[in-house]
Amino acid sequence: MLKTIRSLGATLADLWRSSALIQGIMALTGFGTICYLEIVSREPSQVLAGLVGSMIGFYFGTKISQKE
């Protein structure tokens, strides 16, 4: 059990160092914001939509390039 926790901690530390964790949190937060605005019937600004689209595209683009 303790070995599993240490392994998880090491994995999270590696993700933090590579900033993948931060990128994922930012992409999900932006996507959640857009979804919330749509649910409450408020149109997100074009700037916000463009910014979130760029963040999500960058996040998934780096995932594809890391696999190659």
PDB file of N, CA and C in Angstrom:
ATOM      1  N   MET A   1       0.830  -1.190   0.000  1.00  0.00           N
ATOM      2  CA  MET A   1       0.000   0.000   0.000  1.00  0.00           C
ATOM      3  C   MET A   1       0.876   1.256   0.000  1.00  0.00           C
ATOM      4  N   LEU A   2       1.880   1.291   0.864  1.00  0.00           N
ATOM      5  CA  LEU A   2       2.764   2.447   0.960  1.00  0.00           C
ATOM      6  C   LEU A   2       3.572   2.618  -0.334  1.00  0.00           C
ATOM      7  N   LYS A   3       3.948   1.493  -0.945  1.00  0.00           N
ATOM      8  CA  LYS A   3       4.696   1.550  -2.196  1.00  0.00           C
ATOM      9  C   LYS A   3       3.822   2.142  -3.304  1.00  0.00           C
ATOM     10  N   THR A   4       2.542   1.802  -3.317  1.00  0.00           N
ATOM     11  CA  THR A   4       1.609   2.336  -4.303  1.00  0.00           C
ATOM     12  C   THR A   4       1.441   3.836  -4.135  1.00  0.00           C
ATOM     13  N   ILE A   5       1.355   4.296  -2.908  1.00  0.00           N
ATOM     14  CA  ILE A   5       1.210   5.728  -2.634  1.00  0.00           C
ATOM     15  C   ILE A   5       2.466   6.483  -3.074  1.00  0.00           C
ATOM     16  N   ARG A   6       3.626   5.917  -2.803  1.00  0.00           N
ATOM     17  CA  ARG A   6       4.878   6.554  -3.227  1.00  0.00           C
ATOM     18  C   ARG A   6       4.976   6.601  -4.749  1.00  0.00           C
ATOM     19  N   SER A   7       4.541   5.534  -5.391  1.00  0.00           N
ATOM     20  CA  SER A   7       4.557   5.490  -6.855  1.00  0.00           C
ATOM     21  C   SER A   7       3.626   6.549  -7.433  1.00  0.00           C
ATOM     22  N   LEU A   8       2.456   6.706  -6.833  1.00  0.00           N
ATOM     23  CA  LEU A   8       1.505   7.721  -7.267  1.00  0.00           C
ATOM     24  C   LEU A   8       2.091   9.114  -7.056  1.00  0.00           C
ATOM     25  N   GLY A   9       2.732   9.320  -5.937  1.00  0.00           N
ATOM     26  CA  GLY A   9       3.370  10.605  -5.657  1.00  0.00           C
ATOM     27  C   GLY A   9       4.461  10.927  -6.663  1.00  0.00           C
ATOM     28  N   ALA A  10       5.245   9.925  -7.024  1.00  0.00           N
ATOM     29  CA  ALA A  10       6.305  10.130  -8.012  1.00  0.00           C
ATOM     30  C   ALA A  10       5.702  10.452  -9.384  1.00  0.00           C
ATOM     31  N   THR A  11       4.601   9.783  -9.730  1.00  0.00           N
ATOM     32  CA  THR A  11       3.937  10.048 -11.002  1.00  0.00           C
ATOM     33  C   THR A  11       3.385  11.461 -11.041  1.00  0.00           C
ATOM     34  N   LEU A  12       2.737  11.892  -9.970  1.00  0.00           N
ATOM     35  CA  LEU A  12       2.202  13.255  -9.915  1.00  0.00           C
ATOM     36  C   LEU A  12       3.324  14.286  -9.958  1.00  0.00           C
ATOM     37  N   ALA A  13       4.427  13.985  -9.315  1.00  0.00           N
ATOM     38  CA  ALA A  13       5.564  14.906  -9.345  1.00  0.00           C
ATOM     39  C   ALA A  13       6.132  15.018 -10.760  1.00  0.00           C
ATOM     40  N   ASP A  14       6.201  13.902 -11.482  1.00  0.00           N
ATOM     41  CA  ASP A  14       6.672  13.941 -12.868  1.00  0.00           C
ATOM     42  C   ASP A  14       5.727  14.754 -13.745  1.00  0.00           C
ATOM     43  N   LEU A  15       4.421  14.569 -13.553  1.00  0.00           N
ATOM     44  CA  LEU A  15       3.440  15.343 -14.318  1.00  0.00           C
ATOM     45  C   LEU A  15       3.549  16.830 -13.993  1.00  0.00           C
ATOM     46  N   TRP A  16       3.777  17.152 -12.740  1.00  0.00           N
ATOM     47  CA  TRP A  16       3.908  18.553 -12.333  1.00  0.00           C
ATOM     48  C   TRP A  16       5.134  19.177 -12.985  1.00  0.00           C
ATOM     49  N   ARG A  17       6.251  18.437 -12.985  1.00  0.00           N
ATOM     50  CA  ARG A  17       7.473  18.961 -13.583  1.00  0.00           C
ATOM     51  C   ARG A  17       7.323  19.161 -15.090  1.00  0.00           C
ATOM     52  N   SER A  18       6.609  18.280 -15.741  1.00  0.00           N
ATOM     53  CA  SER A  18       6.432  18.419 -17.189  1.00  0.00           C
ATOM     54  C   SER A  18       5.281  19.366 -17.520  1.00  0.00           C
ATOM     55  N   SER A  19       4.635  19.922 -16.531  1.00  0.00           N
ATOM     56  CA  SER A  19       3.517  20.859 -16.616  1.00  0.00           C
ATOM     57  C   SER A  19       2.288  20.265 -17.288  1.00  0.00           C
ATOM     58  N   ALA A  20       2.255  18.958 -17.477  1.00  0.00           N
ATOM     59  CA  ALA A  20       1.078  18.327 -18.076  1.00  0.00           C
ATOM     60  C   ALA A  20      -0.125  18.457 -17.152  1.00  0.00           C
ATOM     61  N   LEU A  21       0.099  18.389 -15.876  1.00  0.00           N
ATOM     62  CA  LEU A  21      -0.989  18.514 -14.911  1.00  0.00           C
ATOM     63  C   LEU A  21      -1.588  19.913 -14.959  1.00  0.00           C
ATOM     64  N   ILE A  22      -0.747  20.914 -15.032  1.00  0.00           N
ATOM     65  CA  ILE A  22      -1.216  22.302 -15.098  1.00  0.00           C
ATOM     66  C   ILE A  22      -1.972  22.543 -16.394  1.00  0.00           C
ATOM     67  N   GLN A  23      -1.442  22.040 -17.508  1.00  0.00           N
ATOM     68  CA  GLN A  23      -2.117  22.204 -18.794  1.00  0.00           C
ATOM     69  C   GLN A  23      -3.484  21.554 -18.785  1.00  0.00           C
ATOM     70  N   GLY A  24      -3.575  20.370 -18.220  1.00  0.00           N
ATOM     71  CA  GLY A  24      -4.850  19.664 -18.158  1.00  0.00           C
ATOM     72  C   GLY A  24      -5.868  20.400 -17.310  1.00  0.00           C
ATOM     73  N   ILE A  25      -5.435  20.913 -16.173  1.00  0.00           N
ATOM     74  CA  ILE A  25      -6.340  21.652 -15.293  1.00  0.00           C
ATOM     75  C   ILE A  25      -6.838  22.913 -15.985  1.00  0.00           C
ATOM     76  N   MET A  26      -5.936  23.617 -16.671  1.00  0.00           N
ATOM     77  CA  MET A  26      -6.346  24.837 -17.371  1.00  0.00           C
ATOM     78  C   MET A  26      -7.331  24.528 -18.500  1.00  0.00           C
ATOM     79  N   ALA A  27      -7.080  23.472 -19.256  1.00  0.00           N
ATOM     80  CA  ALA A  27      -7.970  23.103 -20.358  1.00  0.00           C
ATOM     81  C   ALA A  27      -9.350  22.710 -19.828  1.00  0.00           C
ATOM     82  N   LEU A  28      -9.387  21.919 -18.774  1.00  0.00           N
ATOM     83  CA  LEU A  28     -10.670  21.501 -18.203  1.00  0.00           C
ATOM     84  C   LEU A  28     -11.423  22.668 -17.570  1.00  0.00           C
ATOM     85  N   THR A  29     -10.714  23.579 -16.934  1.00  0.00           N
ATOM     86  CA  THR A  29     -11.349  24.749 -16.340  1.00  0.00           C
ATOM     87  C   THR A  29     -11.965  25.638 -17.410  1.00  0.00           C
ATOM     88  N   GLY A  30     -11.226  25.869 -18.481  1.00  0.00           N
ATOM     89  CA  GLY A  30     -11.758  26.675 -19.577  1.00  0.00           C
ATOM     90  C   GLY A  30     -12.960  26.023 -20.228  1.00  0.00           C
ATOM     91  N   PHE A  31     -12.875  24.723 -20.465  1.00  0.00           N
ATOM     92  CA  PHE A  31     -13.993  23.989 -21.061  1.00  0.00           C
ATOM     93  C   PHE A  31     -15.208  24.021 -20.138  1.00  0.00           C
ATOM     94  N   GLY A  32     -14.975  23.875 -18.847  1.00  0.00           N
ATOM     95  CA  GLY A  32     -16.074  23.942 -17.875  1.00  0.00           C
ATOM     96  C   GLY A  32     -16.730  25.311 -17.853  1.00  0.00           C
ATOM     97  N   THR A  33     -15.928  26.353 -18.003  1.00  0.00           N
ATOM     98  CA  THR A  33     -16.461  27.718 -18.035  1.00  0.00           C
ATOM     99  C   THR A  33     -17.363  27.918 -19.241  1.00  0.00           C
ATOM    100  N   ILE A  34     -16.919  27.456 -20.402  1.00  0.00           N
ATOM    101  CA  ILE A  34     -17.727  27.569 -21.616  1.00  0.00           C
ATOM    102  C   ILE A  34     -19.034  26.788 -21.454  1.00  0.00           C
ATOM    103  N   CYS A  35     -18.952  25.585 -20.919  1.00  0.00           N
ATOM    104  CA  CYS A  35     -20.163  24.770 -20.704  1.00  0.00           C
ATOM    105  C   CYS A  35     -21.113  25.462 -19.730  1.00  0.00           C
ATOM    106  N   TYR A  36     -20.588  26.014 -18.651  1.00  0.00           N
ATOM    107  CA  TYR A  36     -21.429  26.713 -17.675  1.00  0.00           C
ATOM    108  C   TYR A  36     -22.153  27.887 -18.318  1.00  0.00           C
ATOM    109  N   LEU A  37     -21.427  28.678 -19.097  1.00  0.00           N
ATOM    110  CA  LEU A  37     -22.050  29.827 -19.749  1.00  0.00           C
ATOM    111  C   LEU A  37     -23.151  29.394 -20.712  1.00  0.00           C
ATOM    112  N   GLU A  38     -22.966  28.276 -21.386  1.00  0.00           N
ATOM    113  CA  GLU A  38     -24.005  27.773 -22.286  1.00  0.00           C
ATOM    114  C   GLU A  38     -25.218  27.278 -21.493  1.00  0.00           C
ATOM    115  N   ILE A  39     -24.988  26.646 -20.360  1.00  0.00           N
ATOM    116  CA  ILE A  39     -26.091  26.124 -19.541  1.00  0.00           C
ATOM    117  C   ILE A  39     -26.957  27.249 -18.996  1.00  0.00           C
ATOM    118  N   VAL A  40     -26.339  28.346 -18.569  1.00  0.00           N
ATOM    119  CA  VAL A  40     -27.101  29.467 -18.013  1.00  0.00           C
ATOM    120  C   VAL A  40     -27.554  30.439 -19.099  1.00  0.00           C
ATOM    121  N   SER A  41     -27.478  30.005 -20.354  1.00  0.00           N
ATOM    122  CA  SER A  41     -27.958  30.767 -21.515  1.00  0.00           C
ATOM    123  C   SER A  41     -27.260  32.107 -21.693  1.00  0.00           C
ATOM    124  N   ARG A  42     -25.968  32.134 -21.415  1.00  0.00           N
ATOM    125  CA  ARG A  42     -25.166  33.328 -21.692  1.00  0.00           C
ATOM    126  C   ARG A  42     -24.136  32.951 -22.734  1.00  0.00           C
ATOM    127  N   GLU A  43     -24.026  33.758 -23.742  1.00  0.00           N
ATOM    128  CA  GLU A  43     -23.090  33.468 -24.810  1.00  0.00           C
ATOM    129  C   GLU A  43     -21.681  33.864 -24.376  1.00  0.00           C
ATOM    130  N   PRO A  44     -20.731  32.933 -24.465  1.00  0.00           N
ATOM    131  CA  PRO A  44     -19.354  33.297 -24.125  1.00  0.00           C
ATOM    132  C   PRO A  44     -18.800  34.260 -25.173  1.00  0.00           C
ATOM    133  N   SER A  45     -17.923  35.143 -24.753  1.00  0.00           N
ATOM    134  CA  SER A  45     -17.333  36.089 -25.700  1.00  0.00           C
ATOM    135  C   SER A  45     -16.459  35.333 -26.699  1.00  0.00           C
ATOM    136  N   GLN A  46     -16.260  35.935 -27.843  1.00  0.00           N
ATOM    137  CA  GLN A  46     -15.437  35.303 -28.868  1.00  0.00           C
ATOM    138  C   GLN A  46     -13.993  35.179 -28.401  1.00  0.00           C
ATOM    139  N   VAL A  47     -13.556  36.134 -27.616  1.00  0.00           N
ATOM    140  CA  VAL A  47     -12.188  36.083 -27.090  1.00  0.00           C
ATOM    141  C   VAL A  47     -12.024  34.878 -26.167  1.00  0.00           C
ATOM    142  N   LEU A  48     -12.989  34.683 -25.264  1.00  0.00           N
ATOM    143  CA  LEU A  48     -12.923  33.549 -24.339  1.00  0.00           C
ATOM    144  C   LEU A  48     -12.992  32.233 -25.092  1.00  0.00           C
ATOM    145  N   ALA A  49     -13.905  32.138 -26.043  1.00  0.00           N
ATOM    146  CA  ALA A  49     -14.040  30.905 -26.818  1.00  0.00           C
ATOM    147  C   ALA A  49     -12.758  30.617 -27.594  1.00  0.00           C
ATOM    148  N   GLY A  50     -12.156  31.636 -28.182  1.00  0.00           N
ATOM    149  CA  GLY A  50     -10.902  31.448 -28.914  1.00  0.00           C
ATOM    150  C   GLY A  50      -9.763  31.038 -28.005  1.00  0.00           C
ATOM    151  N   LEU A  51      -9.708  31.652 -26.836  1.00  0.00           N
ATOM    152  CA  LEU A  51      -8.657  31.327 -25.874  1.00  0.00           C
ATOM    153  C   LEU A  51      -8.782  29.886 -25.392  1.00  0.00           C
ATOM    154  N   VAL A  52      -9.999  29.480 -25.053  1.00  0.00           N
ATOM    155  CA  VAL A  52     -10.216  28.109 -24.571  1.00  0.00           C
ATOM    156  C   VAL A  52      -9.930  27.116 -25.688  1.00  0.00           C
ATOM    157  N   GLY A  53     -10.358  27.441 -26.907  1.00  0.00           N
ATOM    158  CA  GLY A  53     -10.071  26.554 -28.032  1.00  0.00           C
ATOM    159  C   GLY A  53      -8.579  26.391 -28.262  1.00  0.00           C
ATOM    160  N   SER A  54      -7.848  27.474 -28.115  1.00  0.00           N
ATOM    161  CA  SER A  54      -6.387  27.416 -28.264  1.00  0.00           C
ATOM    162  C   SER A  54      -5.749  26.575 -27.165  1.00  0.00           C
ATOM    163  N   MET A  55      -6.228  26.748 -25.934  1.00  0.00           N
ATOM    164  CA  MET A  55      -5.677  25.975 -24.813  1.00  0.00           C
ATOM    165  C   MET A  55      -5.924  24.486 -25.004  1.00  0.00           C
ATOM    166  N   ILE A  56      -7.139  24.131 -25.400  1.00  0.00           N
ATOM    167  CA  ILE A  56      -7.469  22.717 -25.584  1.00  0.00           C
ATOM    168  C   ILE A  56      -6.683  22.149 -26.761  1.00  0.00           C
ATOM    169  N   GLY A  57      -6.583  22.916 -27.853  1.00  0.00           N
ATOM    170  CA  GLY A  57      -5.802  22.460 -28.999  1.00  0.00           C
ATOM    171  C   GLY A  57      -4.340  22.264 -28.655  1.00  0.00           C
ATOM    172  N   PHE A  58      -3.775  23.181 -27.890  1.00  0.00           N
ATOM    173  CA  PHE A  58      -2.375  23.058 -27.475  1.00  0.00           C
ATOM    174  C   PHE A  58      -2.184  21.841 -26.577  1.00  0.00           C
ATOM    175  N   TYR A  59      -3.114  21.640 -25.641  1.00  0.00           N
ATOM    176  CA  TYR A  59      -3.015  20.518 -24.701  1.00  0.00           C
ATOM    177  C   TYR A  59      -3.008  19.188 -25.451  1.00  0.00           C
ATOM    178  N   PHE A  60      -3.987  18.997 -26.343  1.00  0.00           N
ATOM    179  CA  PHE A  60      -4.051  17.733 -27.058  1.00  0.00           C
ATOM    180  C   PHE A  60      -2.970  17.634 -28.131  1.00  0.00           C
ATOM    181  N   GLY A  61      -2.554  18.762 -28.689  1.00  0.00           N
ATOM    182  CA  GLY A  61      -1.459  18.746 -29.662  1.00  0.00           C
ATOM    183  C   GLY A  61      -0.149  18.297 -29.041  1.00  0.00           C
ATOM    184  N   THR A  62       0.120  18.700 -27.821  1.00  0.00           N
ATOM    185  CA  THR A  62       1.347  18.262 -27.154  1.00  0.00           C
ATOM    186  C   THR A  62       1.274  16.782 -26.798  1.00  0.00           C
ATOM    187  N   LYS A  63       0.081  16.287 -26.532  1.00  0.00           N
ATOM    188  CA  LYS A  63      -0.065  14.854 -26.222  1.00  0.00           C
ATOM    189  C   LYS A  63       0.248  14.012 -27.438  1.00  0.00           C
ATOM    190  N   ILE A  64      -0.170  14.442 -28.616  1.00  0.00           N
ATOM    191  CA  ILE A  64       0.090  13.697 -29.830  1.00  0.00           C
ATOM    192  C   ILE A  64       1.580  13.739 -30.175  1.00  0.00           C
ATOM    193  N   SER A  65       2.195  14.905 -30.054  1.00  0.00           N
ATOM    194  CA  SER A  65       3.608  15.030 -30.413  1.00  0.00           C
ATOM    195  C   SER A  65       4.511  14.272 -29.435  1.00  0.00           C
ATOM    196  N   GLN A  66       4.076  14.085 -28.198  1.00  0.00           N
ATOM    197  CA  GLN A  66       4.885  13.346 -27.225  1.00  0.00           C
ATOM    198  C   GLN A  66       4.871  11.852 -27.522  1.00  0.00           C
ATOM    199  N   LYS A  67       3.810  11.351 -28.160  1.00  0.00           N
ATOM    200  CA  LYS A  67       3.720   9.922 -28.476  1.00  0.00           C
ATOM    201  C   LYS A  67       4.649   9.539 -29.615  1.00  0.00           C
ATOM    202  N   GLU A  68       4.961  10.475 -30.499  1.00  0.00           N
ATOM    203  CA  GLU A  68       5.790  10.170 -31.673  1.00  0.00           C
ATOM    204  C   GLU A  68       7.246  10.052 -31.338  1.00  0.00           C
TER     205      GLU A  68
END
